[in-house]
């Protein structure tokens, strides 16, 4: 996977896979929004595997991977403290 990444500092990061080997579609964004208590982070991902699998299997695999990834992102944010 090779991602094309576009950044609007302090607002948004968008990305998309350029190779399209493992996924027919892999694109998404991180959007930051200030709030009274800090910052809201909205993560969106559109993905369609290039492999032929039943949808329920694909969904389960992706949800588990994304959940683990988000836990790691949260741990890193907490580790860094107030950025």
Protein backbone atom coordinates (compact mmCIF):
# COMPACT_ATOMS: atom_id res chain seq x y z
CA UNK A 1 0.00 0.00 0.00
CA UNK A 2 1.23 3.48 -0.87
CA UNK A 3 -0.88 6.29 0.53
CA UNK A 4 -1.32 9.68 -1.05
CA UNK A 5 -1.79 12.02 1.91
CA UNK A 6 -3.09 15.59 1.89
CA UNK A 7 -3.01 17.73 5.01
CA UNK A 8 -4.77 20.91 6.01
CA UNK A 9 -2.85 21.78 9.21
CA UNK A 10 -4.90 21.64 12.41
CA UNK A 11 -8.04 20.72 10.43
CA UNK A 12 -7.93 17.61 8.25
CA UNK A 13 -5.80 14.80 6.85
CA UNK A 14 -7.07 12.81 3.86
CA UNK A 15 -5.50 9.67 2.42
CA UNK A 16 -6.00 7.21 -0.40
CA UNK A 17 -4.22 4.06 -1.54
CA UNK A 18 -2.52 4.54 -4.90
CA UNK A 19 -1.49 0.94 -5.63
CA UNK A 20 -4.90 -0.74 -5.17
CA UNK A 21 -3.39 -4.19 -4.76
CA UNK A 22 -4.87 -5.36 -1.45
CA UNK A 23 -7.91 -3.10 -1.68
CA UNK A 24 -10.08 -1.97 -4.57
CA UNK A 25 -10.91 1.06 -2.45
CA UNK A 26 -9.03 2.41 0.56
CA UNK A 27 -9.53 6.08 1.36
CA UNK A 28 -10.38 8.12 4.38
CA UNK A 29 -9.78 11.12 6.56
CA UNK A 30 -9.00 12.42 10.01
CA UNK A 31 -10.87 15.63 10.88
CA UNK A 32 -10.03 17.70 13.95
CA UNK A 33 -12.56 19.94 15.66
CA UNK A 34 -11.88 22.08 18.72
CA UNK A 35 -14.31 21.82 21.61
CA UNK A 36 -14.52 23.23 25.14
CA UNK A 37 -12.89 20.13 26.61
CA UNK A 38 -10.18 19.65 23.97
CA UNK A 39 -10.35 18.29 20.44
CA UNK A 40 -12.74 15.88 18.73
CA UNK A 41 -11.13 13.55 16.22
CA UNK A 42 -13.34 12.07 13.52
CA UNK A 43 -11.91 9.11 11.58
CA UNK A 44 -13.58 7.95 8.38
CA UNK A 45 -12.52 5.01 6.23
CA UNK A 46 -13.99 3.62 3.04
CA UNK A 47 -12.56 0.22 2.20
CA UNK A 48 -13.32 -2.59 -0.21
CA UNK A 49 -11.02 -5.59 -0.29
CA UNK A 50 -9.59 -6.92 -3.53
CA UNK A 51 -10.01 -10.45 -2.11
CA UNK A 52 -13.24 -12.34 -2.57
CA UNK A 53 -14.66 -13.02 0.89
CA UNK A 54 -18.16 -12.98 2.34
CA UNK A 55 -19.10 -9.50 3.56
CA UNK A 56 -19.66 -10.62 7.16
CA UNK A 57 -16.08 -11.98 7.34
CA UNK A 58 -14.62 -8.86 5.78
CA UNK A 59 -16.53 -6.58 8.14
CA UNK A 60 -15.40 -8.55 11.21
CA UNK A 61 -11.76 -8.48 10.16
CA UNK A 62 -11.80 -4.75 9.42
CA UNK A 63 -13.69 -3.80 12.58
CA UNK A 64 -11.19 -5.69 14.73
CA UNK A 65 -8.21 -4.10 12.96
CA UNK A 66 -9.66 -0.60 13.15
CA UNK A 67 -10.57 -0.97 16.83
CA UNK A 68 -7.04 -2.10 17.68
CA UNK A 69 -5.59 0.76 15.62
CA UNK A 70 -7.78 3.35 17.38
CA UNK A 71 -6.74 2.01 20.81
CA UNK A 72 -3.10 2.46 19.81
CA UNK A 73 -3.77 6.00 18.56
CA UNK A 74 -5.46 6.86 21.87
CA UNK A 75 -2.53 5.44 23.85
CA UNK A 76 -0.11 7.56 21.83
CA UNK A 77 -2.20 10.72 22.37
CA UNK A 78 -2.27 10.07 26.13
CA UNK A 79 1.47 9.30 26.15
CA UNK A 80 2.30 12.58 24.46
CA UNK A 81 0.10 14.52 26.85
CA UNK A 82 -0.96 18.01 25.97
CA UNK A 83 0.25 18.69 22.42
